[in-house]
Amino acid sequence: MTPPLDVPPGPHDHAWPGRWSDDGVFVCFEGGEGAGKSTQSRLLREWLEAEGYTVLLTFEPGDTEVGRKVRQIVLDPATGDLAHRTEALLYAADKAEHVETVVRPALDRREVVVTDRYVDSALAYQGAGRDLAFDDVVWVNRWATADLRPHLTVVLDLEPEHGLGRFDERDRIEGESVEFHQRVRAKFLEMAGADPDHYLVLDARAPVAEIADAVRARVAPLLERAARREVHA
């Protein structure tokens, strides 16, 4: 049963409130387009598995059957314009299904969950990129995720001009204006700056191995929450 939220709708801090799971470890990679989130997610999984942890590597939107349908709607350029509230609710629906059927069960098994995008993406893209009230987007996403918050969110920071230049073809969101993506970037940095204990901001232009080392250093102290397999030499 989904627990009720203990904070009513209303003004929130720049970093959204939420609950952290007592079991497992939940790590999220965030940032703009082309910042290297999928690469760093994969490298973190490889390191964790070598250390003996069971890892669930996942992503949003689209890592459930329902989510794949949502992903097609929100990212396909053929969709055209969507009302901004419609777009926000579609992304929230993907998150609700993802948390209920993928993320929460893995945490209950004391696994390490590594996700490429989560709630911060909704707050940055729909709450800042679009003309929606930020507090409304916070509330919808808190409800959709049953208030589940990552133990650590890694923001890979990159200027939109650099990230967007990595794509020959752009999806519906990537095709938004540079000004849109600048607002998104600013919101990621604002949220991270408001809660440095639960965020790590890294320059996405740094060497891949250097970024991976910095991520491992921040993740390592969290691993006491996760079950570890016996590793044989």
C-alpha atoms as a PDB file:
ATOM      1  CA  MET A   1       0.000   0.000   0.000  1.00  0.00           C
ATOM      2  CA  THR A   2       1.373   3.413  -0.928  1.00  0.00           C
ATOM      3  CA  PRO A   3       1.976   5.521   2.212  1.00  0.00           C
ATOM      4  CA  PRO A   4       0.324   8.926   2.314  1.00  0.00           C
ATOM      5  CA  LEU A   5       2.517  11.964   1.898  1.00  0.00           C
ATOM      6  CA  ASP A   6       3.088  13.765   5.162  1.00  0.00           C
ATOM      7  CA  VAL A   7       3.641  17.151   3.499  1.00  0.00           C
ATOM      8  CA  PRO A   8       0.689  18.853   1.782  1.00  0.00           C
ATOM      9  CA  PRO A   9       0.992  20.586  -1.584  1.00  0.00           C
ATOM     10  CA  GLY A  10       2.631  23.956  -1.313  1.00  0.00           C
ATOM     11  CA  PRO A  11       5.939  25.784  -1.682  1.00  0.00           C
ATOM     12  CA  HIS A  12       9.010  23.536  -1.434  1.00  0.00           C
ATOM     13  CA  ASP A  13      12.746  24.041  -1.239  1.00  0.00           C
ATOM     14  CA  HIS A  14      14.673  23.915  -4.498  1.00  0.00           C
ATOM     15  CA  ALA A  15      15.709  20.336  -3.661  1.00  0.00           C
ATOM     16  CA  TRP A  16      12.555  18.270  -3.458  1.00  0.00           C
ATOM     17  CA  PRO A  17      11.736  16.530  -0.186  1.00  0.00           C
ATOM     18  CA  GLY A  18      11.165  12.814   0.009  1.00  0.00           C
ATOM     19  CA  ARG A  19      11.876   9.557   1.794  1.00  0.00           C
ATOM     20  CA  TRP A  20      14.985   7.420   1.469  1.00  0.00           C
ATOM     21  CA  SER A  21      14.718   3.645   1.483  1.00  0.00           C
ATOM     22  CA  ASP A  22      16.159   1.885   4.530  1.00  0.00           C
ATOM     23  CA  ASP A  23      17.011  -1.117   2.360  1.00  0.00           C
ATOM     24  CA  GLY A  24      19.183  -1.192  -0.719  1.00  0.00           C
ATOM     25  CA  VAL A  25      20.919   1.766  -2.354  1.00  0.00           C
ATOM     26  CA  PHE A  26      19.278   4.032  -4.905  1.00  0.00           C
ATOM     27  CA  VAL A  27      21.578   6.047  -7.191  1.00  0.00           C
ATOM     28  CA  CYS A  28      20.374   8.289  -9.988  1.00  0.00           C
ATOM     29  CA  PHE A  29      22.264   9.911 -12.858  1.00  0.00           C
ATOM     30  CA  GLU A  30      20.841  13.194 -14.096  1.00  0.00           C
ATOM     31  CA  GLY A  31      21.851  15.941 -16.501  1.00  0.00           C
ATOM     32  CA  GLY A  32      21.142  17.375 -19.892  1.00  0.00           C
ATOM     33  CA  GLU A  33      21.275  15.719 -23.277  1.00  0.00           C
ATOM     34  CA  GLY A  34      24.503  13.996 -24.269  1.00  0.00           C
ATOM     35  CA  ALA A  35      26.122  14.304 -20.838  1.00  0.00           C
ATOM     36  CA  GLY A  36      27.163  10.644 -20.601  1.00  0.00           C
ATOM     37  CA  LYS A  37      24.595   9.348 -18.114  1.00  0.00           C
ATOM     38  CA  SER A  38      24.223   5.928 -19.716  1.00  0.00           C
ATOM     39  CA  THR A  39      28.004   5.463 -19.891  1.00  0.00           C
ATOM     40  CA  GLN A  40      28.518   6.316 -16.228  1.00  0.00           C
ATOM     41  CA  SER A  41      25.532   4.213 -15.172  1.00  0.00           C
ATOM     42  CA  ARG A  42      27.051   1.203 -16.918  1.00  0.00           C
ATOM     43  CA  LEU A  43      30.498   1.780 -15.430  1.00  0.00           C
ATOM     44  CA  LEU A  44      29.037   2.052 -11.935  1.00  0.00           C
ATOM     45  CA  ARG A  45      27.147  -1.201 -12.410  1.00  0.00           C
ATOM     46  CA  GLU A  46      30.298  -2.984 -13.600  1.00  0.00           C
ATOM     47  CA  TRP A  47      32.264  -1.797 -10.558  1.00  0.00           C
ATOM     48  CA  LEU A  48      29.497  -2.705  -8.100  1.00  0.00           C
ATOM     49  CA  GLU A  49      29.047  -6.168  -9.564  1.00  0.00           C
ATOM     50  CA  ALA A  50      32.809  -6.757  -9.366  1.00  0.00           C
ATOM     51  CA  GLU A  51      32.565  -5.793  -5.675  1.00  0.00           C
ATOM     52  CA  GLY A  52      29.886  -8.435  -5.129  1.00  0.00           C
ATOM     53  CA  TYR A  53      26.676  -6.418  -5.175  1.00  0.00           C
ATOM     54  CA  THR A  54      23.519  -7.241  -7.100  1.00  0.00           C
ATOM     55  CA  VAL A  55      22.742  -4.256  -9.312  1.00  0.00           C
ATOM     56  CA  LEU A  56      19.607  -3.250 -11.164  1.00  0.00           C
ATOM     57  CA  LEU A  57      20.490  -0.903 -14.019  1.00  0.00           C
ATOM     58  CA  THR A  58      17.402   0.895 -15.259  1.00  0.00           C
ATOM     59  CA  PHE A  59      16.252   4.116 -16.909  1.00  0.00           C
ATOM     60  CA  GLU A  60      13.358   6.523 -17.447  1.00  0.00           C
ATOM     61  CA  PRO A  61      11.210   6.863 -19.350  1.00  0.00           C
ATOM     62  CA  GLY A  62      10.504   3.445 -20.773  1.00  0.00           C
ATOM     63  CA  ASP A  63      11.859   0.561 -18.678  1.00  0.00           C
ATOM     64  CA  THR A  64       8.451  -1.051 -18.203  1.00  0.00           C
ATOM     65  CA  GLU A  65       5.896  -2.206 -20.730  1.00  0.00           C
ATOM     66  CA  VAL A  66       3.698   0.770 -19.896  1.00  0.00           C
ATOM     67  CA  GLY A  67       6.731   3.038 -19.893  1.00  0.00           C
ATOM     68  CA  ARG A  68       7.731   2.022 -23.410  1.00  0.00           C
ATOM     69  CA  LYS A  69       4.378   3.247 -24.682  1.00  0.00           C
ATOM     70  CA  VAL A  70       4.735   6.486 -22.730  1.00  0.00           C
ATOM     71  CA  ARG A  71       8.263   6.948 -24.055  1.00  0.00           C
ATOM     72  CA  GLN A  72       7.065   6.660 -27.630  1.00  0.00           C
ATOM     73  CA  ILE A  73       4.447   9.338 -27.053  1.00  0.00           C
ATOM     74  CA  VAL A  74       6.624  11.868 -25.242  1.00  0.00           C
ATOM     75  CA  LEU A  75       9.798  11.483 -27.333  1.00  0.00           C
ATOM     76  CA  ASP A  76       8.581  10.776 -30.860  1.00  0.00           C
ATOM     77  CA  PRO A  77       8.724  13.997 -32.924  1.00  0.00           C
ATOM     78  CA  ALA A  78       5.630  12.727 -34.750  1.00  0.00           C
ATOM     79  CA  THR A  79       3.631  13.325 -31.552  1.00  0.00           C
ATOM     80  CA  GLY A  80       3.919  17.053 -32.135  1.00  0.00           C
ATOM     81  CA  ASP A  81       2.801  19.508 -29.494  1.00  0.00           C
ATOM     82  CA  LEU A  82       1.404  18.261 -26.197  1.00  0.00           C
ATOM     83  CA  ALA A  83      -0.242  20.361 -23.530  1.00  0.00           C
ATOM     84  CA  HIS A  84       2.485  20.844 -20.961  1.00  0.00           C
ATOM     85  CA  ARG A  85       0.381  19.374 -18.165  1.00  0.00           C
ATOM     86  CA  THR A  86      -0.318  16.346 -20.353  1.00  0.00           C
ATOM     87  CA  GLU A  87       3.389  15.844 -20.899  1.00  0.00           C
ATOM     88  CA  ALA A  88       4.116  16.166 -17.171  1.00  0.00           C
ATOM     89  CA  LEU A  89       1.415  13.632 -16.291  1.00  0.00           C
ATOM     90  CA  LEU A  90       2.657  11.146 -18.882  1.00  0.00           C
ATOM     91  CA  TYR A  91       6.160  11.295 -17.435  1.00  0.00           C
ATOM     92  CA  ALA A  92       4.698  10.926 -13.936  1.00  0.00           C
ATOM     93  CA  ALA A  93       2.758   7.836 -15.047  1.00  0.00           C
ATOM     94  CA  ASP A  94       5.985   6.284 -16.294  1.00  0.00           C
ATOM     95  CA  LYS A  95       7.593   6.968 -12.912  1.00  0.00           C
ATOM     96  CA  ALA A  96       4.684   5.508 -10.963  1.00  0.00           C
ATOM     97  CA  GLU A  97       4.873   2.228 -12.879  1.00  0.00           C
ATOM     98  CA  HIS A  98       8.668   2.183 -12.744  1.00  0.00           C
ATOM     99  CA  VAL A  99       8.859   2.641  -8.981  1.00  0.00           C
ATOM    100  CA  GLU A 100       6.038   0.199  -8.241  1.00  0.00           C
ATOM    101  CA  THR A 101       7.190  -2.656 -10.464  1.00  0.00           C
ATOM    102  CA  VAL A 102      10.960  -2.191 -10.884  1.00  0.00           C
ATOM    103  CA  VAL A 103      12.690   0.114  -8.396  1.00  0.00           C
ATOM    104  CA  ARG A 104      10.942  -0.597  -5.101  1.00  0.00           C
ATOM    105  CA  PRO A 105      11.038  -4.415  -5.419  1.00  0.00           C
ATOM    106  CA  ALA A 106      14.796  -4.288  -6.073  1.00  0.00           C
ATOM    107  CA  LEU A 107      15.386  -2.053  -3.050  1.00  0.00           C
ATOM    108  CA  ASP A 108      13.300  -4.399  -0.912  1.00  0.00           C
ATOM    109  CA  ARG A 109      15.737  -7.142  -1.973  1.00  0.00           C
ATOM    110  CA  ARG A 110      18.589  -4.854  -0.788  1.00  0.00           C
ATOM    111  CA  GLU A 111      19.987  -4.471  -4.273  1.00  0.00           C
ATOM    112  CA  VAL A 112      21.702  -1.395  -5.664  1.00  0.00           C
ATOM    113  CA  VAL A 113      19.435   0.411  -8.115  1.00  0.00           C
ATOM    114  CA  VAL A 114      21.159   2.651 -10.659  1.00  0.00           C
ATOM    115  CA  THR A 115      18.810   4.680 -12.825  1.00  0.00           C
ATOM    116  CA  ASP A 116      19.424   6.913 -15.808  1.00  0.00           C
ATOM    117  CA  ARG A 117      16.978   9.760 -14.994  1.00  0.00           C
ATOM    118  CA  TYR A 118      14.333  10.020 -12.288  1.00  0.00           C
ATOM    119  CA  VAL A 119      12.275  12.775 -10.654  1.00  0.00           C
ATOM    120  CA  ASP A 120      14.841  15.540 -11.078  1.00  0.00           C
ATOM    121  CA  SER A 121      14.411  15.248 -14.843  1.00  0.00           C
ATOM    122  CA  ALA A 122      10.705  15.960 -14.501  1.00  0.00           C
ATOM    123  CA  LEU A 123      11.383  18.924 -12.225  1.00  0.00           C
ATOM    124  CA  ALA A 124      13.998  20.319 -14.592  1.00  0.00           C
ATOM    125  CA  TYR A 125      12.342  19.633 -17.944  1.00  0.00           C
ATOM    126  CA  GLN A 126       8.667  20.122 -17.062  1.00  0.00           C
ATOM    127  CA  GLY A 127       9.072  22.309 -13.973  1.00  0.00           C
ATOM    128  CA  ALA A 128      11.650  24.681 -15.458  1.00  0.00           C
ATOM    129  CA  GLY A 129      11.786  24.021 -19.181  1.00  0.00           C
ATOM    130  CA  ARG A 130       8.019  24.310 -19.549  1.00  0.00           C
ATOM    131  CA  ASP A 131       5.731  27.018 -18.198  1.00  0.00           C
ATOM    132  CA  LEU A 132       4.409  24.915 -15.321  1.00  0.00           C
ATOM    133  CA  ALA A 133       4.358  25.811 -11.640  1.00  0.00           C
ATOM    134  CA  PHE A 134       7.374  24.106 -10.078  1.00  0.00           C
ATOM    135  CA  ASP A 135       5.545  23.207  -6.859  1.00  0.00           C
ATOM    136  CA  ASP A 136       2.802  21.480  -8.840  1.00  0.00           C
ATOM    137  CA  VAL A 137       5.337  19.341 -10.689  1.00  0.00           C
ATOM    138  CA  VAL A 138       7.025  18.471  -7.383  1.00  0.00           C
ATOM    139  CA  TRP A 139       3.736  17.367  -5.870  1.00  0.00           C
ATOM    140  CA  VAL A 140       2.667  15.232  -8.831  1.00  0.00           C
ATOM    141  CA  ASN A 141       6.006  13.444  -8.923  1.00  0.00           C
ATOM    142  CA  ARG A 142       6.149  12.886  -5.181  1.00  0.00           C
ATOM    143  CA  TRP A 143       2.738  11.251  -5.378  1.00  0.00           C
ATOM    144  CA  ALA A 144       3.646   9.195  -8.447  1.00  0.00           C
ATOM    145  CA  THR A 145       6.793   7.803  -6.808  1.00  0.00           C
ATOM    146  CA  ALA A 146       5.287   7.315  -3.328  1.00  0.00           C
ATOM    147  CA  ASP A 147       7.822   9.923  -2.185  1.00  0.00           C
ATOM    148  CA  LEU A 148      10.816   7.670  -2.913  1.00  0.00           C
ATOM    149  CA  ARG A 149      14.033   9.648  -3.253  1.00  0.00           C
ATOM    150  CA  PRO A 150      17.517   8.462  -4.321  1.00  0.00           C
ATOM    151  CA  HIS A 151      20.252   8.245  -1.712  1.00  0.00           C
ATOM    152  CA  LEU A 152      22.528   9.982  -4.221  1.00  0.00           C
ATOM    153  CA  THR A 153      21.846  11.913  -7.412  1.00  0.00           C
ATOM    154  CA  VAL A 154      24.810  12.469  -9.709  1.00  0.00           C
ATOM    155  CA  VAL A 155      24.395  15.488 -11.980  1.00  0.00           C
ATOM    156  CA  LEU A 156      26.613  15.376 -15.052  1.00  0.00           C
ATOM    157  CA  ASP A 157      26.807  19.023 -15.992  1.00  0.00           C
ATOM    158  CA  LEU A 158      27.278  20.032 -19.615  1.00  0.00           C
ATOM    159  CA  GLU A 159      26.461  23.147 -21.610  1.00  0.00           C
ATOM    160  CA  PRO A 160      23.453  22.425 -23.871  1.00  0.00           C
ATOM    161  CA  GLU A 161      25.350  23.515 -26.962  1.00  0.00           C
ATOM    162  CA  HIS A 162      27.895  20.745 -26.386  1.00  0.00           C
ATOM    163  CA  GLY A 163      25.412  18.022 -25.496  1.00  0.00           C
ATOM    164  CA  LEU A 164      22.946  18.662 -28.288  1.00  0.00           C
ATOM    165  CA  GLY A 165      25.756  18.744 -30.810  1.00  0.00           C
ATOM    166  CA  ARG A 166      26.339  15.020 -30.213  1.00  0.00           C
ATOM    167  CA  PHE A 167      23.100  14.007 -31.953  1.00  0.00           C
ATOM    168  CA  ASP A 168      22.589  13.678 -35.708  1.00  0.00           C
ATOM    169  CA  GLU A 169      18.846  13.299 -35.122  1.00  0.00           C
ATOM    170  CA  ARG A 170      16.905  14.668 -32.175  1.00  0.00           C
ATOM    171  CA  ASP A 171      13.852  13.355 -30.394  1.00  0.00           C
ATOM    172  CA  ARG A 172      10.933  15.536 -29.391  1.00  0.00           C
ATOM    173  CA  ILE A 173      12.633  16.890 -26.233  1.00  0.00           C
ATOM    174  CA  GLU A 174      16.123  17.167 -27.700  1.00  0.00           C
ATOM    175  CA  GLY A 175      14.587  19.272 -30.470  1.00  0.00           C
ATOM    176  CA  GLU A 176      13.568  22.036 -28.058  1.00  0.00           C
ATOM    177  CA  SER A 177      15.381  25.375 -28.179  1.00  0.00           C
ATOM    178  CA  VAL A 178      18.761  25.990 -26.595  1.00  0.00           C
ATOM    179  CA  GLU A 179      17.012  28.411 -24.211  1.00  0.00           C
ATOM    180  CA  PHE A 180      14.748  25.564 -23.049  1.00  0.00           C
ATOM    181  CA  HIS A 181      17.766  23.360 -22.329  1.00  0.00           C
ATOM    182  CA  GLN A 182      19.557  26.202 -20.560  1.00  0.00           C
ATOM    183  CA  ARG A 183      16.617  26.494 -18.154  1.00  0.00           C
ATOM    184  CA  VAL A 184      16.801  22.740 -17.610  1.00  0.00           C
ATOM    185  CA  ARG A 185      20.519  22.889 -16.834  1.00  0.00           C
ATOM    186  CA  ALA A 186      20.046  25.780 -14.407  1.00  0.00           C
ATOM    187  CA  LYS A 187      17.355  23.856 -12.496  1.00  0.00           C
ATOM    188  CA  PHE A 188      19.532  20.760 -12.144  1.00  0.00           C
ATOM    189  CA  LEU A 189      22.312  22.887 -10.674  1.00  0.00           C
ATOM    190  CA  GLU A 190      19.922  24.784  -8.431  1.00  0.00           C
ATOM    191  CA  MET A 191      18.478  21.589  -6.947  1.00  0.00           C
ATOM    192  CA  ALA A 192      21.928  20.095  -6.444  1.00  0.00           C
ATOM    193  CA  GLY A 193      23.228  23.244  -4.792  1.00  0.00           C
ATOM    194  CA  ALA A 194      20.350  23.224  -2.311  1.00  0.00           C
ATOM    195  CA  ASP A 195      21.169  19.728  -1.024  1.00  0.00           C
ATOM    196  CA  PRO A 196      24.871  18.882  -1.457  1.00  0.00           C
ATOM    197  CA  ASP A 197      24.631  15.938   0.961  1.00  0.00           C
ATOM    198  CA  HIS A 198      22.527  14.013  -1.551  1.00  0.00           C
ATOM    199  CA  TYR A 199      23.911  15.352  -4.825  1.00  0.00           C
ATOM    200  CA  LEU A 200      27.217  15.149  -6.645  1.00  0.00           C
ATOM    201  CA  VAL A 201      27.819  17.590  -9.509  1.00  0.00           C
ATOM    202  CA  LEU A 202      30.533  16.642 -11.985  1.00  0.00           C
ATOM    203  CA  ASP A 203      31.818  18.278 -15.149  1.00  0.00           C
ATOM    204  CA  ALA A 204      30.650  15.988 -17.949  1.00  0.00           C
ATOM    205  CA  ARG A 205      33.597  17.114 -20.084  1.00  0.00           C
ATOM    206  CA  ALA A 206      36.082  15.491 -17.679  1.00  0.00           C
ATOM    207  CA  PRO A 207      37.676  12.161 -18.652  1.00  0.00           C
ATOM    208  CA  VAL A 208      35.271   9.236 -18.355  1.00  0.00           C
ATOM    209  CA  ALA A 209      37.493   7.369 -15.896  1.00  0.00           C
ATOM    210  CA  GLU A 210      37.885  10.468 -13.695  1.00  0.00           C
ATOM    211  CA  ILE A 211      34.118  10.881 -13.473  1.00  0.00           C
ATOM    212  CA  ALA A 212      33.661   7.191 -12.673  1.00  0.00           C
ATOM    213  CA  ASP A 213      36.215   7.391  -9.839  1.00  0.00           C
ATOM    214  CA  ALA A 214      34.438  10.385  -8.301  1.00  0.00           C
ATOM    215  CA  VAL A 215      31.103   8.575  -8.450  1.00  0.00           C
ATOM    216  CA  ARG A 216      32.534   5.463  -6.798  1.00  0.00           C
ATOM    217  CA  ALA A 217      33.981   7.535  -3.976  1.00  0.00           C
ATOM    218  CA  ARG A 218      30.538   8.957  -3.147  1.00  0.00           C
ATOM    219  CA  VAL A 219      28.671   5.675  -3.583  1.00  0.00           C
ATOM    220  CA  ALA A 220      31.014   3.534  -1.477  1.00  0.00           C
ATOM    221  CA  PRO A 221      29.867   4.858   1.961  1.00  0.00           C
ATOM    222  CA  LEU A 222      26.242   4.085   1.061  1.00  0.00           C
ATOM    223  CA  LEU A 223      26.791   0.395   0.382  1.00  0.00           C
ATOM    224  CA  GLU A 224      26.256  -0.796   3.944  1.00  0.00           C
ATOM    225  CA  ARG A 225      22.532  -0.702   3.108  1.00  0.00           C
ATOM    226  CA  ALA A 226      22.956  -3.242   0.320  1.00  0.00           C
ATOM    227  CA  ALA A 227      23.384  -7.013   0.499  1.00  0.00           C
ATOM    228  CA  ARG A 228      26.712  -8.263  -0.733  1.00  0.00           C
ATOM    229  CA  ARG A 229      27.373 -11.607  -2.356  1.00  0.00           C
ATOM    230  CA  GLU A 230      30.425 -13.610  -1.437  1.00  0.00           C
ATOM    231  CA  VAL A 231      33.103 -12.884  -4.016  1.00  0.00           C
ATOM    232  CA  HIS A 232      35.398 -15.796  -4.868  1.00  0.00           C
ATOM    233  CA  ALA A 233      38.900 -15.202  -6.148  1.00  0.00           C
END
